[in-house]
Amino acid sequence: MSHNEVEILFHEFGHVLHTITTHAKYARFAGTHVPTDFVEAPSQMLQNWVWDKRVLDSFAADYRDPSKKIPAETIQKMKDAKLATAGVFYRRQFAFASLDLALHGPHPENASYDCVGISNPILEKVFLPIDPSTTFVSYFGHLNGYDAGYYGYAWADAIAADMATVFESAPEGYYDKQAGMRLRNEIYAMGDSRDVNESIEKFLGRKQSVQPFLKKIGIGEANTSTAPVTGNK
């Protein structure tokens, strides 16, 4: 498996953990039955594990010689490459989020609906120049299923980066049992049986902040106690 495939596996396993560890009394509020702009946060949180050398060393090795692990230098280069492309990645995410909201927003009654006419200017403004003869919007598969909710992916990234600070400051890092149990009890187990903002802040032990996310993508300061964010709606 490639590193990207392993990251996807951890992501989807995050959804699994969110479901099987629930303590919610009613299925309607259990596991992934949470606000759309939070549902990806617990799974994206788990992706952090595959960027930690200690975690990778526990399973990733040369199949011909399991004692040969991924060198620290290689992992750092992977992190550097990810950071180098973060700008393009998030411009794409923000463009798709803006497009999603525009396509599902108010539309003049009886007016023709030109999805290409709506989408191309947004994509060109936020992402990259678009060939007017193409229909890039037809590639956007999340228009069905994430209607007016695609912004939740980037928002969940911000939440996940904030939650990751608990493990980053824990004595055993991503292996820290106490931090892991807090994640299970305050995030995964609660589902939507209480306001997710309360769950996040109980896990963090403080107010939410966007600073860890800004640091993750190469901007902003390391201070996680500033720049509070408004909650999910």
C-alpha atoms as a PDB file:
ATOM      1  CA  MET A   1       0.000   0.000   0.000  1.00  0.00           C
ATOM      2  CA  SER A   2       1.147   3.532  -0.696  1.00  0.00           C
ATOM      3  CA  HIS A   3       1.337   6.070   2.111  1.00  0.00           C
ATOM      4  CA  ASN A   4      -1.709   7.807   0.652  1.00  0.00           C
ATOM      5  CA  GLU A   5      -3.681   4.553   0.741  1.00  0.00           C
ATOM      6  CA  VAL A   6      -2.674   3.998   4.359  1.00  0.00           C
ATOM      7  CA  GLU A   7      -3.821   7.527   5.179  1.00  0.00           C
ATOM      8  CA  ILE A   8      -7.185   6.820   3.538  1.00  0.00           C
ATOM      9  CA  LEU A   9      -7.448   3.583   5.532  1.00  0.00           C
ATOM     10  CA  PHE A  10      -6.860   5.452   8.793  1.00  0.00           C
ATOM     11  CA  HIS A  11      -9.383   8.098   7.715  1.00  0.00           C
ATOM     12  CA  GLU A  12     -12.111   5.543   7.096  1.00  0.00           C
ATOM     13  CA  PHE A  13     -11.195   3.693  10.284  1.00  0.00           C
ATOM     14  CA  GLY A  14     -11.832   6.966  12.089  1.00  0.00           C
ATOM     15  CA  HIS A  15     -15.433   6.777  10.863  1.00  0.00           C
ATOM     16  CA  VAL A  16     -15.562   3.173  12.090  1.00  0.00           C
ATOM     17  CA  LEU A  17     -14.329   4.149  15.555  1.00  0.00           C
ATOM     18  CA  HIS A  18     -16.844   6.984  15.637  1.00  0.00           C
ATOM     19  CA  THR A  19     -19.585   4.406  15.058  1.00  0.00           C
ATOM     20  CA  ILE A  20     -18.565   1.385  17.146  1.00  0.00           C
ATOM     21  CA  THR A  21     -17.483   3.278  20.277  1.00  0.00           C
ATOM     22  CA  THR A  22     -20.700   5.273  20.633  1.00  0.00           C
ATOM     23  CA  HIS A  23     -22.418   5.571  23.991  1.00  0.00           C
ATOM     24  CA  ALA A  24     -25.373   7.521  22.624  1.00  0.00           C
ATOM     25  CA  LYS A  25     -28.720   6.131  23.742  1.00  0.00           C
ATOM     26  CA  TYR A  26     -30.453   6.656  20.406  1.00  0.00           C
ATOM     27  CA  ALA A  27     -29.112   5.670  16.974  1.00  0.00           C
ATOM     28  CA  ARG A  28     -30.149   9.060  15.612  1.00  0.00           C
ATOM     29  CA  PHE A  29     -27.436  10.684  17.718  1.00  0.00           C
ATOM     30  CA  ALA A  30     -24.826   7.923  17.526  1.00  0.00           C
ATOM     31  CA  GLY A  31     -21.510   7.822  15.723  1.00  0.00           C
ATOM     32  CA  THR A  32     -21.434   9.713  12.448  1.00  0.00           C
ATOM     33  CA  HIS A  33     -24.955  11.112  12.895  1.00  0.00           C
ATOM     34  CA  VAL A  34     -23.490  14.512  13.701  1.00  0.00           C
ATOM     35  CA  PRO A  35     -23.559  17.915  11.932  1.00  0.00           C
ATOM     36  CA  THR A  36     -22.183  17.704   8.393  1.00  0.00           C
ATOM     37  CA  ASP A  37     -19.431  20.206   9.152  1.00  0.00           C
ATOM     38  CA  PHE A  38     -18.133  17.995  11.969  1.00  0.00           C
ATOM     39  CA  VAL A  39     -18.610  14.468  10.631  1.00  0.00           C
ATOM     40  CA  GLU A  40     -15.204  14.379   8.913  1.00  0.00           C
ATOM     41  CA  ALA A  41     -13.247  15.752  11.891  1.00  0.00           C
ATOM     42  CA  PRO A  42     -12.923  12.512  13.892  1.00  0.00           C
ATOM     43  CA  SER A  43     -11.751  10.632  10.794  1.00  0.00           C
ATOM     44  CA  GLN A  44      -9.386  13.362   9.618  1.00  0.00           C
ATOM     45  CA  MET A  45      -8.030  13.461  13.155  1.00  0.00           C
ATOM     46  CA  LEU A  46      -6.901   9.842  12.783  1.00  0.00           C
ATOM     47  CA  GLN A  47      -4.902  10.694   9.656  1.00  0.00           C
ATOM     48  CA  ASN A  48      -2.332  12.386  11.897  1.00  0.00           C
ATOM     49  CA  TRP A  49      -1.124   8.972  13.067  1.00  0.00           C
ATOM     50  CA  VAL A  50       0.317   8.059   9.659  1.00  0.00           C
ATOM     51  CA  TRP A  51       2.656  11.064   9.729  1.00  0.00           C
ATOM     52  CA  ASP A  52       4.252  10.021  13.020  1.00  0.00           C
ATOM     53  CA  LYS A  53       7.448   7.970  12.699  1.00  0.00           C
ATOM     54  CA  ARG A  54       6.836   5.973  15.853  1.00  0.00           C
ATOM     55  CA  VAL A  55       3.429   4.926  14.567  1.00  0.00           C
ATOM     56  CA  LEU A  56       4.755   4.147  11.090  1.00  0.00           C
ATOM     57  CA  ASP A  57       7.580   2.073  12.558  1.00  0.00           C
ATOM     58  CA  SER A  58       4.987  -0.169  14.218  1.00  0.00           C
ATOM     59  CA  PHE A  59       3.750  -1.515  10.885  1.00  0.00           C
ATOM     60  CA  ALA A  60       5.479   0.068   7.867  1.00  0.00           C
ATOM     61  CA  ALA A  61       8.614  -1.754   6.737  1.00  0.00           C
ATOM     62  CA  ASP A  62      10.378  -3.352   3.791  1.00  0.00           C
ATOM     63  CA  TYR A  63       8.519  -6.623   3.210  1.00  0.00           C
ATOM     64  CA  ARG A  64      11.841  -8.317   2.428  1.00  0.00           C
ATOM     65  CA  ASP A  65      13.368  -7.153   5.699  1.00  0.00           C
ATOM     66  CA  PRO A  66      10.892  -5.952   8.379  1.00  0.00           C
ATOM     67  CA  SER A  67      13.767  -4.424  10.341  1.00  0.00           C
ATOM     68  CA  LYS A  68      14.111  -1.774   7.632  1.00  0.00           C
ATOM     69  CA  LYS A  69      11.750   1.075   8.504  1.00  0.00           C
ATOM     70  CA  ILE A  70      10.957   4.269   6.629  1.00  0.00           C
ATOM     71  CA  PRO A  71      13.898   6.630   7.299  1.00  0.00           C
ATOM     72  CA  ALA A  72      13.137   9.778   9.282  1.00  0.00           C
ATOM     73  CA  GLU A  73      14.551  11.815   6.406  1.00  0.00           C
ATOM     74  CA  THR A  74      12.029  10.299   4.001  1.00  0.00           C
ATOM     75  CA  ILE A  75       9.131  11.034   6.332  1.00  0.00           C
ATOM     76  CA  GLN A  76      10.315  14.628   6.678  1.00  0.00           C
ATOM     77  CA  LYS A  77      10.533  14.988   2.902  1.00  0.00           C
ATOM     78  CA  MET A  78       6.957  13.682   2.631  1.00  0.00           C
ATOM     79  CA  LYS A  79       5.850  16.283   5.174  1.00  0.00           C
ATOM     80  CA  ASP A  80       7.721  18.999   3.295  1.00  0.00           C
ATOM     81  CA  ALA A  81       6.099  17.953   0.010  1.00  0.00           C
ATOM     82  CA  LYS A  82       2.665  18.006   1.621  1.00  0.00           C
ATOM     83  CA  LEU A  83       3.283  21.501   2.979  1.00  0.00           C
ATOM     84  CA  ALA A  84       4.600  22.697  -0.384  1.00  0.00           C
ATOM     85  CA  THR A  85       1.325  21.734  -2.086  1.00  0.00           C
ATOM     86  CA  ALA A  86      -1.003  22.799   0.740  1.00  0.00           C
ATOM     87  CA  GLY A  87      -1.786  26.117  -0.946  1.00  0.00           C
ATOM     88  CA  VAL A  88      -3.005  24.487  -4.146  1.00  0.00           C
ATOM     89  CA  PHE A  89      -4.896  21.801  -2.227  1.00  0.00           C
ATOM     90  CA  TYR A  90      -6.822  24.232  -0.039  1.00  0.00           C
ATOM     91  CA  ARG A  91      -7.506  26.663  -2.880  1.00  0.00           C
ATOM     92  CA  ARG A  92      -9.152  23.716  -4.605  1.00  0.00           C
ATOM     93  CA  GLN A  93     -11.095  22.821  -1.460  1.00  0.00           C
ATOM     94  CA  PHE A  94     -12.258  26.392  -0.935  1.00  0.00           C
ATOM     95  CA  ALA A  95     -13.197  26.705  -4.611  1.00  0.00           C
ATOM     96  CA  PHE A  96     -15.296  23.555  -4.450  1.00  0.00           C
ATOM     97  CA  ALA A  97     -16.893  24.712  -1.191  1.00  0.00           C
ATOM     98  CA  SER A  98     -17.789  28.093  -2.712  1.00  0.00           C
ATOM     99  CA  LEU A  99     -19.100  26.411  -5.844  1.00  0.00           C
ATOM    100  CA  ASP A 100     -21.191  23.987  -3.811  1.00  0.00           C
ATOM    101  CA  LEU A 101     -22.825  26.826  -1.872  1.00  0.00           C
ATOM    102  CA  ALA A 102     -23.418  28.846  -5.045  1.00  0.00           C
ATOM    103  CA  LEU A 103     -25.084  25.961  -6.869  1.00  0.00           C
ATOM    104  CA  HIS A 104     -27.324  25.184  -3.906  1.00  0.00           C
ATOM    105  CA  GLY A 105     -28.079  28.815  -3.072  1.00  0.00           C
ATOM    106  CA  PRO A 106     -31.033  31.003  -4.122  1.00  0.00           C
ATOM    107  CA  HIS A 107     -31.687  31.160  -7.852  1.00  0.00           C
ATOM    108  CA  PRO A 108     -33.993  33.590  -9.706  1.00  0.00           C
ATOM    109  CA  GLU A 109     -37.350  31.990 -10.354  1.00  0.00           C
ATOM    110  CA  ASN A 110     -37.975  31.011 -13.992  1.00  0.00           C
ATOM    111  CA  ALA A 111     -34.377  31.876 -14.929  1.00  0.00           C
ATOM    112  CA  SER A 112     -32.297  29.331 -16.811  1.00  0.00           C
ATOM    113  CA  TYR A 113     -29.876  27.400 -14.650  1.00  0.00           C
ATOM    114  CA  ASP A 114     -26.411  27.460 -16.170  1.00  0.00           C
ATOM    115  CA  CYS A 115     -24.236  25.438 -13.804  1.00  0.00           C
ATOM    116  CA  VAL A 116     -21.145  25.960 -15.976  1.00  0.00           C
ATOM    117  CA  GLY A 117     -21.784  29.701 -16.052  1.00  0.00           C
ATOM    118  CA  ILE A 118     -21.996  29.664 -12.267  1.00  0.00           C
ATOM    119  CA  SER A 119     -19.064  27.359 -11.642  1.00  0.00           C
ATOM    120  CA  ASN A 120     -16.332  28.483 -14.027  1.00  0.00           C
ATOM    121  CA  PRO A 121     -16.057  32.076 -12.712  1.00  0.00           C
ATOM    122  CA  ILE A 122     -15.849  30.797  -9.126  1.00  0.00           C
ATOM    123  CA  LEU A 123     -13.240  28.185  -9.956  1.00  0.00           C
ATOM    124  CA  GLU A 124     -11.195  30.715 -11.910  1.00  0.00           C
ATOM    125  CA  LYS A 125     -11.346  33.291  -9.126  1.00  0.00           C
ATOM    126  CA  VAL A 126     -10.546  30.971  -6.222  1.00  0.00           C
ATOM    127  CA  PHE A 127      -8.628  28.098  -7.808  1.00  0.00           C
ATOM    128  CA  LEU A 128      -6.979  28.171 -11.241  1.00  0.00           C
ATOM    129  CA  PRO A 129      -7.831  29.515 -14.719  1.00  0.00           C
ATOM    130  CA  ILE A 130     -10.523  27.415 -16.363  1.00  0.00           C
ATOM    131  CA  ASP A 131     -10.815  26.651 -20.067  1.00  0.00           C
ATOM    132  CA  PRO A 132     -14.270  28.066 -20.970  1.00  0.00           C
ATOM    133  CA  SER A 133     -14.884  25.126 -23.297  1.00  0.00           C
ATOM    134  CA  THR A 134     -14.657  22.633 -20.423  1.00  0.00           C
ATOM    135  CA  THR A 135     -17.202  21.615 -17.793  1.00  0.00           C
ATOM    136  CA  PHE A 136     -14.986  21.109 -14.777  1.00  0.00           C
ATOM    137  CA  VAL A 137     -18.047  21.118 -12.525  1.00  0.00           C
ATOM    138  CA  SER A 138     -19.085  17.724 -13.916  1.00  0.00           C
ATOM    139  CA  TYR A 139     -16.055  16.267 -12.133  1.00  0.00           C
ATOM    140  CA  PHE A 140     -17.385  17.413  -8.750  1.00  0.00           C
ATOM    141  CA  GLY A 141     -18.921  14.183  -7.440  1.00  0.00           C
ATOM    142  CA  HIS A 142     -19.686  15.524  -3.962  1.00  0.00           C
ATOM    143  CA  LEU A 143     -22.533  17.667  -5.312  1.00  0.00           C
ATOM    144  CA  ASN A 144     -24.689  14.651  -4.500  1.00  0.00           C
ATOM    145  CA  GLY A 145     -24.577  13.613  -0.871  1.00  0.00           C
ATOM    146  CA  TYR A 146     -22.754  16.655   0.484  1.00  0.00           C
ATOM    147  CA  ASP A 147     -25.219  19.229  -0.813  1.00  0.00           C
ATOM    148  CA  ALA A 148     -24.197  22.676   0.503  1.00  0.00           C
ATOM    149  CA  GLY A 149     -21.890  20.900   2.928  1.00  0.00           C
ATOM    150  CA  TYR A 150     -18.595  20.416   1.117  1.00  0.00           C
ATOM    151  CA  TYR A 151     -17.072  23.263   3.141  1.00  0.00           C
ATOM    152  CA  GLY A 152     -17.195  20.804   6.039  1.00  0.00           C
ATOM    153  CA  TYR A 153     -14.058  19.051   4.788  1.00  0.00           C
ATOM    154  CA  ALA A 154     -11.838  22.103   5.239  1.00  0.00           C
ATOM    155  CA  TRP A 155     -13.624  23.052   8.449  1.00  0.00           C
ATOM    156  CA  ALA A 156     -13.125  19.516   9.770  1.00  0.00           C
ATOM    157  CA  ASP A 157      -9.436  19.825   8.889  1.00  0.00           C
ATOM    158  CA  ALA A 158      -9.243  22.884  11.129  1.00  0.00           C
ATOM    159  CA  ILE A 159     -10.983  21.031  13.970  1.00  0.00           C
ATOM    160  CA  ALA A 160      -8.774  17.958  13.520  1.00  0.00           C
ATOM    161  CA  ALA A 161      -5.581  20.044  13.556  1.00  0.00           C
ATOM    162  CA  ASP A 162      -6.754  21.670  16.777  1.00  0.00           C
ATOM    163  CA  MET A 163      -7.552  18.310  18.386  1.00  0.00           C
ATOM    164  CA  ALA A 164      -4.172  16.905  17.309  1.00  0.00           C
ATOM    165  CA  THR A 165      -2.452  19.356  19.663  1.00  0.00           C
ATOM    166  CA  VAL A 166      -3.662  17.248  22.598  1.00  0.00           C
ATOM    167  CA  PHE A 167      -1.571  14.318  21.367  1.00  0.00           C
ATOM    168  CA  GLU A 168       1.328  16.489  20.247  1.00  0.00           C
ATOM    169  CA  SER A 169       1.692  17.816  23.800  1.00  0.00           C
ATOM    170  CA  ALA A 170       1.013  14.470  25.527  1.00  0.00           C
ATOM    171  CA  PRO A 171       3.911  12.568  27.176  1.00  0.00           C
ATOM    172  CA  GLU A 172       3.586   9.597  24.800  1.00  0.00           C
ATOM    173  CA  GLY A 173       2.510  11.538  21.726  1.00  0.00           C
ATOM    174  CA  TYR A 174       0.105   9.624  19.512  1.00  0.00           C
ATOM    175  CA  TYR A 175       0.553   6.580  21.751  1.00  0.00           C
ATOM    176  CA  ASP A 176      -0.618   8.410  24.860  1.00  0.00           C
ATOM    177  CA  LYS A 177      -3.312   6.301  26.513  1.00  0.00           C
ATOM    178  CA  GLN A 178      -4.846   9.132  28.530  1.00  0.00           C
ATOM    179  CA  ALA A 179      -5.209  11.354  25.461  1.00  0.00           C
ATOM    180  CA  GLY A 180      -6.594   8.408  23.499  1.00  0.00           C
ATOM    181  CA  MET A 181      -9.252   7.716  26.117  1.00  0.00           C
ATOM    182  CA  ARG A 182     -10.213  11.389  26.137  1.00  0.00           C
ATOM    183  CA  LEU A 183     -10.639  11.226  22.359  1.00  0.00           C
ATOM    184  CA  ARG A 184     -12.779   8.130  22.689  1.00  0.00           C
ATOM    185  CA  ASN A 185     -14.924   9.364  25.581  1.00  0.00           C
ATOM    186  CA  GLU A 186     -15.348  13.026  24.662  1.00  0.00           C
ATOM    187  CA  ILE A 187     -15.521  12.783  20.847  1.00  0.00           C
ATOM    188  CA  TYR A 188     -16.213   9.308  19.482  1.00  0.00           C
ATOM    189  CA  ALA A 189     -18.532   8.047  22.221  1.00  0.00           C
ATOM    190  CA  MET A 190     -20.686  11.176  22.438  1.00  0.00           C
ATOM    191  CA  GLY A 191     -21.708  11.452  18.787  1.00  0.00           C
ATOM    192  CA  ASP A 192     -24.438  14.076  18.598  1.00  0.00           C
ATOM    193  CA  SER A 193     -25.893  13.262  22.008  1.00  0.00           C
ATOM    194  CA  ARG A 194     -24.518  16.634  23.095  1.00  0.00           C
ATOM    195  CA  ASP A 195     -23.440  19.719  21.164  1.00  0.00           C
ATOM    196  CA  VAL A 196     -20.284  18.823  19.237  1.00  0.00           C
ATOM    197  CA  ASN A 197     -18.686  22.152  20.181  1.00  0.00           C
ATOM    198  CA  GLU A 198     -18.982  21.162  23.833  1.00  0.00           C
ATOM    199  CA  SER A 199     -17.443  17.778  23.035  1.00  0.00           C
ATOM    200  CA  ILE A 200     -14.527  19.382  21.192  1.00  0.00           C
ATOM    201  CA  GLU A 201     -13.797  21.831  23.992  1.00  0.00           C
ATOM    202  CA  LYS A 202     -14.066  19.151  26.675  1.00  0.00           C
ATOM    203  CA  PHE A 203     -11.500  17.138  24.752  1.00  0.00           C
ATOM    204  CA  LEU A 204      -9.235  20.157  24.207  1.00  0.00           C
ATOM    205  CA  GLY A 205      -9.626  21.504  27.721  1.00  0.00           C
ATOM    206  CA  ARG A 206      -9.941  25.001  26.211  1.00  0.00           C
ATOM    207  CA  LYS A 207     -11.749  27.010  23.559  1.00  0.00           C
ATOM    208  CA  GLN A 208     -11.313  26.038  19.928  1.00  0.00           C
ATOM    209  CA  SER A 209      -8.661  27.778  17.825  1.00  0.00           C
ATOM    210  CA  VAL A 210      -7.787  27.946  14.133  1.00  0.00           C
ATOM    211  CA  GLN A 211      -4.108  28.586  14.865  1.00  0.00           C
ATOM    212  CA  PRO A 212      -3.050  24.902  14.750  1.00  0.00           C
ATOM    213  CA  PHE A 213      -4.622  24.614  11.294  1.00  0.00           C
ATOM    214  CA  LEU A 214      -2.878  27.761  10.065  1.00  0.00           C
ATOM    215  CA  LYS A 215       0.404  26.418  11.413  1.00  0.00           C
ATOM    216  CA  LYS A 216      -0.247  23.087   9.673  1.00  0.00           C
ATOM    217  CA  ILE A 217      -0.542  24.758   6.276  1.00  0.00           C
ATOM    218  CA  GLY A 218       2.465  26.996   6.843  1.00  0.00           C
ATOM    219  CA  ILE A 219       0.930  30.260   8.009  1.00  0.00           C
ATOM    220  CA  GLY A 220      -0.008  31.729  11.374  1.00  0.00           C
ATOM    221  CA  GLU A 221       1.619  31.322  14.760  1.00  0.00           C
ATOM    222  CA  ALA A 222       2.158  28.259  16.917  1.00  0.00           C
ATOM    223  CA  ASN A 223       0.152  29.757  19.779  1.00  0.00           C
ATOM    224  CA  THR A 224      -3.049  27.703  20.106  1.00  0.00           C
ATOM    225  CA  SER A 225      -4.619  29.864  22.797  1.00  0.00           C
ATOM    226  CA  THR A 226      -5.580  32.710  20.472  1.00  0.00           C
ATOM    227  CA  ALA A 227      -7.902  33.261  17.545  1.00  0.00           C
ATOM    228  CA  PRO A 228     -10.990  31.518  18.940  1.00  0.00           C
ATOM    229  CA  VAL A 229     -13.430  30.210  16.366  1.00  0.00           C
ATOM    230  CA  THR A 230     -17.189  30.158  16.249  1.00  0.00           C
ATOM    231  CA  GLY A 231     -18.842  26.794  16.569  1.00  0.00           C
ATOM    232  CA  ASN A 232     -20.565  24.463  14.160  1.00  0.00           C
ATOM    233  CA  LYS A 233     -24.121  25.254  13.267  1.00  0.00           C
END
